């Protein structure tokens, strides 16, 4: 059947993931840092995702597409909820992507955000990481040793160009994590803003050493 449905311009998409979050039906997902319409029958054609996109990458088109299947969407949502409940702990992650290298400099979720900048290993070392640190924060992760990059410039741009309320750095006790703490410290200086920030250090056996 021919009906109204969304179309995503991958050339314009900045990979912020805001559209996927806004799509309650689960029709949109992220692939290689780009938004993609996964299933025509999950798209209701109402366009809740359009105003969420900061890059104007989503439009309506009239084309042949499977009819919207409300029952299939409901079943998928119930299955997803049941799977999350089965783990005993829901994810507190509120945005995608999370890698410092991939996240856009400007995104709606940065407005008034409490920023969490965490070393990759910390979520594995500390068991209650989501509830204790990710909840109610915008999360960025990285590893200076593995990425072999200085995050200072990217973090400076994010802090300077957005309304960031606070910054929390989560690092491991190992020396290589010092590069992440240093990058945040230098970014705060370079941004020209006075923003509250603190550092939490996690031990290799999963204890909080300092905060």
C-alpha atoms as a PDB file:
ATOM      1  CA  UNK A   1       0.000   0.000   0.000  1.00  0.00           C
ATOM      2  CA  UNK A   2       1.060   3.607  -0.565  1.00  0.00           C
ATOM      3  CA  UNK A   3       1.140   5.752   2.552  1.00  0.00           C
ATOM      4  CA  UNK A   4       2.948   8.538   4.373  1.00  0.00           C
ATOM      5  CA  UNK A   5       6.106   7.384   6.108  1.00  0.00           C
ATOM      6  CA  UNK A   6       9.356   8.919   7.311  1.00  0.00           C
ATOM      7  CA  UNK A   7      12.569   9.076   5.315  1.00  0.00           C
ATOM      8  CA  UNK A   8      16.009   9.576   6.891  1.00  0.00           C
ATOM      9  CA  UNK A   9      18.793  11.359   5.007  1.00  0.00           C
ATOM     10  CA  UNK A  10      21.922   9.591   6.265  1.00  0.00           C
ATOM     11  CA  UNK A  11      24.127  12.340   4.804  1.00  0.00           C
ATOM     12  CA  UNK A  12      22.502  14.874   7.140  1.00  0.00           C
ATOM     13  CA  UNK A  13      22.224  12.549  10.155  1.00  0.00           C
ATOM     14  CA  UNK A  14      24.728  13.482  12.891  1.00  0.00           C
ATOM     15  CA  UNK A  15      24.267  10.263  14.835  1.00  0.00           C
ATOM     16  CA  UNK A  16      22.853  11.840  17.994  1.00  0.00           C
ATOM     17  CA  UNK A  17      20.165   9.163  18.351  1.00  0.00           C
ATOM     18  CA  UNK A  18      17.476  11.645  19.403  1.00  0.00           C
ATOM     19  CA  UNK A  19      15.060  10.343  16.765  1.00  0.00           C
ATOM     20  CA  UNK A  20      15.448   6.735  17.911  1.00  0.00           C
ATOM     21  CA  UNK A  21      14.703   7.822  21.470  1.00  0.00           C
ATOM     22  CA  UNK A  22      11.651   9.797  20.330  1.00  0.00           C
ATOM     23  CA  UNK A  23      10.253   6.883  18.307  1.00  0.00           C
ATOM     24  CA  UNK A  24       8.065   5.082  20.844  1.00  0.00           C
ATOM     25  CA  UNK A  25       7.238   2.337  18.335  1.00  0.00           C
ATOM     26  CA  UNK A  26      10.868   1.261  17.937  1.00  0.00           C
ATOM     27  CA  UNK A  27      10.892   1.763  14.161  1.00  0.00           C
ATOM     28  CA  UNK A  28      14.202   3.666  14.201  1.00  0.00           C
ATOM     29  CA  UNK A  29      17.577   2.327  15.277  1.00  0.00           C
ATOM     30  CA  UNK A  30      21.243   3.264  15.002  1.00  0.00           C
ATOM     31  CA  UNK A  31      23.634   1.514  12.603  1.00  0.00           C
ATOM     32  CA  UNK A  32      27.279   2.576  12.319  1.00  0.00           C
ATOM     33  CA  UNK A  33      26.499   5.918  13.936  1.00  0.00           C
ATOM     34  CA  UNK A  34      23.555   6.713  11.642  1.00  0.00           C
ATOM     35  CA  UNK A  35      19.800   6.571  12.206  1.00  0.00           C
ATOM     36  CA  UNK A  36      17.903   4.069  10.085  1.00  0.00           C
ATOM     37  CA  UNK A  37      14.247   3.097   9.647  1.00  0.00           C
ATOM     38  CA  UNK A  38      14.303  -0.593  10.540  1.00  0.00           C
ATOM     39  CA  UNK A  39      10.691  -1.556   9.906  1.00  0.00           C
ATOM     40  CA  UNK A  40       8.040   0.168   7.821  1.00  0.00           C
ATOM     41  CA  UNK A  41       5.256  -1.602   9.733  1.00  0.00           C
ATOM     42  CA  UNK A  42       6.479  -0.082  13.011  1.00  0.00           C
ATOM     43  CA  UNK A  43       6.301   3.508  11.673  1.00  0.00           C
ATOM     44  CA  UNK A  44       2.882   5.081  12.349  1.00  0.00           C
ATOM     45  CA  UNK A  45       3.598   8.063  10.083  1.00  0.00           C
ATOM     46  CA  UNK A  46       2.845  10.609  12.814  1.00  0.00           C
ATOM     47  CA  UNK A  47       6.417  11.858  12.940  1.00  0.00           C
ATOM     48  CA  UNK A  48       7.246  12.215  16.639  1.00  0.00           C
ATOM     49  CA  UNK A  49      10.854  11.827  15.523  1.00  0.00           C
ATOM     50  CA  UNK A  50      10.872  14.906  13.255  1.00  0.00           C
ATOM     51  CA  UNK A  51      11.041  17.664  15.892  1.00  0.00           C
ATOM     52  CA  UNK A  52      13.593  15.633  17.853  1.00  0.00           C
ATOM     53  CA  UNK A  53      16.122  15.693  15.003  1.00  0.00           C
ATOM     54  CA  UNK A  54      18.575  18.629  15.330  1.00  0.00           C
ATOM     55  CA  UNK A  55      19.991  18.072  11.834  1.00  0.00           C
ATOM     56  CA  UNK A  56      16.711  18.242   9.876  1.00  0.00           C
ATOM     57  CA  UNK A  57      17.535  14.810   8.471  1.00  0.00           C
ATOM     58  CA  UNK A  58      13.987  13.380   8.633  1.00  0.00           C
ATOM     59  CA  UNK A  59      11.133  14.143   6.248  1.00  0.00           C
ATOM     60  CA  UNK A  60       7.819  12.613   5.227  1.00  0.00           C
ATOM     61  CA  UNK A  61       7.451  10.817   1.901  1.00  0.00           C
ATOM     62  CA  UNK A  62       4.601   9.037   0.143  1.00  0.00           C
ATOM     63  CA  UNK A  63       5.709   5.564  -0.967  1.00  0.00           C
ATOM     64  CA  UNK A  64       4.832   1.913  -1.039  1.00  0.00           C
ATOM     65  CA  UNK A  65       5.183   0.610   2.508  1.00  0.00           C
ATOM     66  CA  UNK A  66       3.756  -2.063   4.755  1.00  0.00           C
ATOM     67  CA  UNK A  67       0.746  -0.956   6.758  1.00  0.00           C
ATOM     68  CA  UNK A  68       1.351   0.186  10.324  1.00  0.00           C
ATOM     69  CA  UNK A  69       0.921  -2.856  12.579  1.00  0.00           C
ATOM     70  CA  UNK A  70      -0.124  -1.596  16.008  1.00  0.00           C
ATOM     71  CA  UNK A  71      -0.434  -5.120  17.407  1.00  0.00           C
ATOM     72  CA  UNK A  72       3.113  -6.039  16.337  1.00  0.00           C
ATOM     73  CA  UNK A  73       4.445  -2.841  17.903  1.00  0.00           C
ATOM     74  CA  UNK A  74       2.608  -3.546  21.156  1.00  0.00           C
ATOM     75  CA  UNK A  75       3.921  -7.117  21.248  1.00  0.00           C
ATOM     76  CA  UNK A  76       7.497  -5.937  20.624  1.00  0.00           C
ATOM     77  CA  UNK A  77       7.223  -3.360  23.394  1.00  0.00           C
ATOM     78  CA  UNK A  78       5.888  -5.944  25.838  1.00  0.00           C
ATOM     79  CA  UNK A  79       8.657  -8.381  24.912  1.00  0.00           C
ATOM     80  CA  UNK A  80      11.299  -5.716  25.418  1.00  0.00           C
ATOM     81  CA  UNK A  81       9.861  -4.724  28.788  1.00  0.00           C
ATOM     82  CA  UNK A  82       9.704  -8.341  29.921  1.00  0.00           C
ATOM     83  CA  UNK A  83      13.322  -8.879  28.924  1.00  0.00           C
ATOM     84  CA  UNK A  84      14.419  -5.815  30.878  1.00  0.00           C
ATOM     85  CA  UNK A  85      12.474  -6.892  33.944  1.00  0.00           C
ATOM     86  CA  UNK A  86      14.038 -10.333  33.671  1.00  0.00           C
ATOM     87  CA  UNK A  87      17.491  -8.890  34.178  1.00  0.00           C
ATOM     88  CA  UNK A  88      16.465  -7.434  37.528  1.00  0.00           C
ATOM     89  CA  UNK A  89      17.847  -4.030  36.568  1.00  0.00           C
ATOM     90  CA  UNK A  90      16.765  -1.550  33.896  1.00  0.00           C
ATOM     91  CA  UNK A  91      19.267   0.401  31.879  1.00  0.00           C
ATOM     92  CA  UNK A  92      19.541   4.044  32.930  1.00  0.00           C
ATOM     93  CA  UNK A  93      21.236   5.130  29.690  1.00  0.00           C
ATOM     94  CA  UNK A  94      19.328   8.059  28.205  1.00  0.00           C
ATOM     95  CA  UNK A  95      21.133   8.774  24.928  1.00  0.00           C
ATOM     96  CA  UNK A  96      23.148   7.236  22.107  1.00  0.00           C
ATOM     97  CA  UNK A  97      25.950   7.158  21.004  1.00  0.00           C
ATOM     98  CA  UNK A  98      28.100   7.274  24.127  1.00  0.00           C
ATOM     99  CA  UNK A  99      31.661   7.055  22.782  1.00  0.00           C
ATOM    100  CA  UNK A 100      33.407  10.434  23.048  1.00  0.00           C
ATOM    101  CA  UNK A 101      34.745  10.015  19.516  1.00  0.00           C
ATOM    102  CA  UNK A 102      31.263   9.419  18.069  1.00  0.00           C
ATOM    103  CA  UNK A 103      29.003  11.724  20.044  1.00  0.00           C
ATOM    104  CA  UNK A 104      28.036  14.982  18.257  1.00  0.00           C
ATOM    105  CA  UNK A 105      29.212  18.282  19.711  1.00  0.00           C
ATOM    106  CA  UNK A 106      25.661  19.638  19.697  1.00  0.00           C
ATOM    107  CA  UNK A 107      22.619  17.575  20.636  1.00  0.00           C
ATOM    108  CA  UNK A 108      19.330  18.356  22.446  1.00  0.00           C
ATOM    109  CA  UNK A 109      20.195  16.071  25.353  1.00  0.00           C
ATOM    110  CA  UNK A 110      23.141  18.298  26.315  1.00  0.00           C
ATOM    111  CA  UNK A 111      20.785  21.167  27.235  1.00  0.00           C
ATOM    112  CA  UNK A 112      20.948  21.505  31.025  1.00  0.00           C
ATOM    113  CA  UNK A 113      22.767  18.188  31.323  1.00  0.00           C
ATOM    114  CA  UNK A 114      24.742  16.747  34.185  1.00  0.00           C
ATOM    115  CA  UNK A 115      27.596  15.197  32.218  1.00  0.00           C
ATOM    116  CA  UNK A 116      29.227  11.880  33.093  1.00  0.00           C
ATOM    117  CA  UNK A 117      32.630  11.231  31.498  1.00  0.00           C
ATOM    118  CA  UNK A 118      33.634   7.659  32.294  1.00  0.00           C
ATOM    119  CA  UNK A 119      36.522   5.377  31.473  1.00  0.00           C
ATOM    120  CA  UNK A 120      35.408   2.305  29.508  1.00  0.00           C
ATOM    121  CA  UNK A 121      36.358  -0.172  32.256  1.00  0.00           C
ATOM    122  CA  UNK A 122      34.483   1.493  35.103  1.00  0.00           C
ATOM    123  CA  UNK A 123      31.066   0.087  34.215  1.00  0.00           C
ATOM    124  CA  UNK A 124      32.520  -3.423  34.307  1.00  0.00           C
ATOM    125  CA  UNK A 125      34.400  -2.929  37.557  1.00  0.00           C
ATOM    126  CA  UNK A 126      31.557  -1.331  39.519  1.00  0.00           C
ATOM    127  CA  UNK A 127      28.450  -3.515  39.582  1.00  0.00           C
ATOM    128  CA  UNK A 128      25.795  -0.869  40.267  1.00  0.00           C
ATOM    129  CA  UNK A 129      27.165   1.573  37.703  1.00  0.00           C
ATOM    130  CA  UNK A 130      23.872   2.407  35.961  1.00  0.00           C
ATOM    131  CA  UNK A 131      21.889   3.231  39.081  1.00  0.00           C
ATOM    132  CA  UNK A 132      24.773   4.904  40.909  1.00  0.00           C
ATOM    133  CA  UNK A 133      26.320   6.974  38.105  1.00  0.00           C
ATOM    134  CA  UNK A 134      24.477   6.882  34.751  1.00  0.00           C
ATOM    135  CA  UNK A 135      20.995   7.620  36.099  1.00  0.00           C
ATOM    136  CA  UNK A 136      19.900  11.225  35.375  1.00  0.00           C
ATOM    137  CA  UNK A 137      23.186  11.987  33.565  1.00  0.00           C
ATOM    138  CA  UNK A 138      24.324  12.195  29.952  1.00  0.00           C
ATOM    139  CA  UNK A 139      27.057   9.597  29.540  1.00  0.00           C
ATOM    140  CA  UNK A 140      30.273   9.815  27.533  1.00  0.00           C
ATOM    141  CA  UNK A 141      32.839   7.024  27.626  1.00  0.00           C
ATOM    142  CA  UNK A 142      36.378   6.613  26.355  1.00  0.00           C
ATOM    143  CA  UNK A 143      39.814   5.171  26.947  1.00  0.00           C
ATOM    144  CA  UNK A 144      42.840   7.377  26.141  1.00  0.00           C
ATOM    145  CA  UNK A 145      45.106   4.330  25.984  1.00  0.00           C
ATOM    146  CA  UNK A 146      43.008   2.344  23.509  1.00  0.00           C
ATOM    147  CA  UNK A 147      41.884   5.306  21.416  1.00  0.00           C
ATOM    148  CA  UNK A 148      45.348   6.900  21.415  1.00  0.00           C
ATOM    149  CA  UNK A 149      43.737  10.317  21.252  1.00  0.00           C
ATOM    150  CA  UNK A 150      43.499  13.452  23.372  1.00  0.00           C
ATOM    151  CA  UNK A 151      39.820  14.070  24.103  1.00  0.00           C
ATOM    152  CA  UNK A 152      40.431  17.652  25.243  1.00  0.00           C
ATOM    153  CA  UNK A 153      39.370  19.395  22.032  1.00  0.00           C
ATOM    154  CA  UNK A 154      36.100  17.440  21.674  1.00  0.00           C
ATOM    155  CA  UNK A 155      35.176  17.845  25.320  1.00  0.00           C
ATOM    156  CA  UNK A 156      35.995  21.550  25.220  1.00  0.00           C
ATOM    157  CA  UNK A 157      33.599  22.031  22.300  1.00  0.00           C
ATOM    158  CA  UNK A 158      30.816  20.098  24.056  1.00  0.00           C
ATOM    159  CA  UNK A 159      31.182  22.078  27.274  1.00  0.00           C
ATOM    160  CA  UNK A 160      31.610  25.443  25.551  1.00  0.00           C
ATOM    161  CA  UNK A 161      28.706  25.108  23.119  1.00  0.00           C
ATOM    162  CA  UNK A 162      26.109  23.560  25.427  1.00  0.00           C
ATOM    163  CA  UNK A 163      24.447  24.319  28.752  1.00  0.00           C
ATOM    164  CA  UNK A 164      26.273  21.746  30.875  1.00  0.00           C
ATOM    165  CA  UNK A 165      25.367  22.001  34.576  1.00  0.00           C
ATOM    166  CA  UNK A 166      28.006  19.718  36.086  1.00  0.00           C
ATOM    167  CA  UNK A 167      30.668  17.180  35.134  1.00  0.00           C
ATOM    168  CA  UNK A 168      31.430  13.911  36.906  1.00  0.00           C
ATOM    169  CA  UNK A 169      34.542  11.961  35.900  1.00  0.00           C
ATOM    170  CA  UNK A 170      34.641   8.235  36.675  1.00  0.00           C
ATOM    171  CA  UNK A 171      38.067   6.638  36.295  1.00  0.00           C
ATOM    172  CA  UNK A 172      39.886   3.511  37.330  1.00  0.00           C
ATOM    173  CA  UNK A 173      42.797   3.634  39.769  1.00  0.00           C
ATOM    174  CA  UNK A 174      45.217   2.627  36.978  1.00  0.00           C
ATOM    175  CA  UNK A 175      47.598   5.331  35.637  1.00  0.00           C
ATOM    176  CA  UNK A 176      46.297   5.332  32.057  1.00  0.00           C
ATOM    177  CA  UNK A 177      42.952   6.685  33.272  1.00  0.00           C
ATOM    178  CA  UNK A 178      44.774   9.852  34.286  1.00  0.00           C
ATOM    179  CA  UNK A 179      44.571  10.921  30.655  1.00  0.00           C
ATOM    180  CA  UNK A 180      40.777  11.047  30.823  1.00  0.00           C
ATOM    181  CA  UNK A 181      40.790  13.116  34.016  1.00  0.00           C
ATOM    182  CA  UNK A 182      43.391  15.453  32.515  1.00  0.00           C
ATOM    183  CA  UNK A 183      41.343  15.918  29.320  1.00  0.00           C
ATOM    184  CA  UNK A 184      38.249  16.924  31.289  1.00  0.00           C
ATOM    185  CA  UNK A 185      40.236  19.294  33.485  1.00  0.00           C
ATOM    186  CA  UNK A 186      41.820  21.000  30.477  1.00  0.00           C
ATOM    187  CA  UNK A 187      38.487  21.137  28.632  1.00  0.00           C
ATOM    188  CA  UNK A 188      36.845  22.902  31.559  1.00  0.00           C
ATOM    189  CA  UNK A 189      39.658  25.453  31.607  1.00  0.00           C
ATOM    190  CA  UNK A 190      39.552  26.005  27.852  1.00  0.00           C
ATOM    191  CA  UNK A 191      35.760  26.366  27.787  1.00  0.00           C
ATOM    192  CA  UNK A 192      35.932  29.552  29.818  1.00  0.00           C
ATOM    193  CA  UNK A 193      33.053  28.371  32.003  1.00  0.00           C
ATOM    194  CA  UNK A 194      32.883  27.742  35.727  1.00  0.00           C
ATOM    195  CA  UNK A 195      31.159  24.377  36.073  1.00  0.00           C
ATOM    196  CA  UNK A 196      31.109  22.173  39.202  1.00  0.00           C
ATOM    197  CA  UNK A 197      33.025  18.945  38.649  1.00  0.00           C
ATOM    198  CA  UNK A 198      34.418  16.061  40.647  1.00  0.00           C
ATOM    199  CA  UNK A 199      36.291  12.812  40.123  1.00  0.00           C
ATOM    200  CA  UNK A 200      35.324   9.326  41.325  1.00  0.00           C
ATOM    201  CA  UNK A 201      38.045   6.666  41.354  1.00  0.00           C
ATOM    202  CA  UNK A 202      37.166   2.967  41.135  1.00  0.00           C
ATOM    203  CA  UNK A 203      39.522   0.200  42.264  1.00  0.00           C
ATOM    204  CA  UNK A 204      40.267  -2.841  40.094  1.00  0.00           C
ATOM    205  CA  UNK A 205      38.214  -4.961  42.498  1.00  0.00           C
ATOM    206  CA  UNK A 206      35.161  -2.712  42.153  1.00  0.00           C
ATOM    207  CA  UNK A 207      35.373  -0.433  45.195  1.00  0.00           C
ATOM    208  CA  UNK A 208      34.957   3.339  45.215  1.00  0.00           C
ATOM    209  CA  UNK A 209      38.307   4.683  46.413  1.00  0.00           C
ATOM    210  CA  UNK A 210      37.480   8.382  46.326  1.00  0.00           C
ATOM    211  CA  UNK A 211      34.686  10.720  45.271  1.00  0.00           C
END
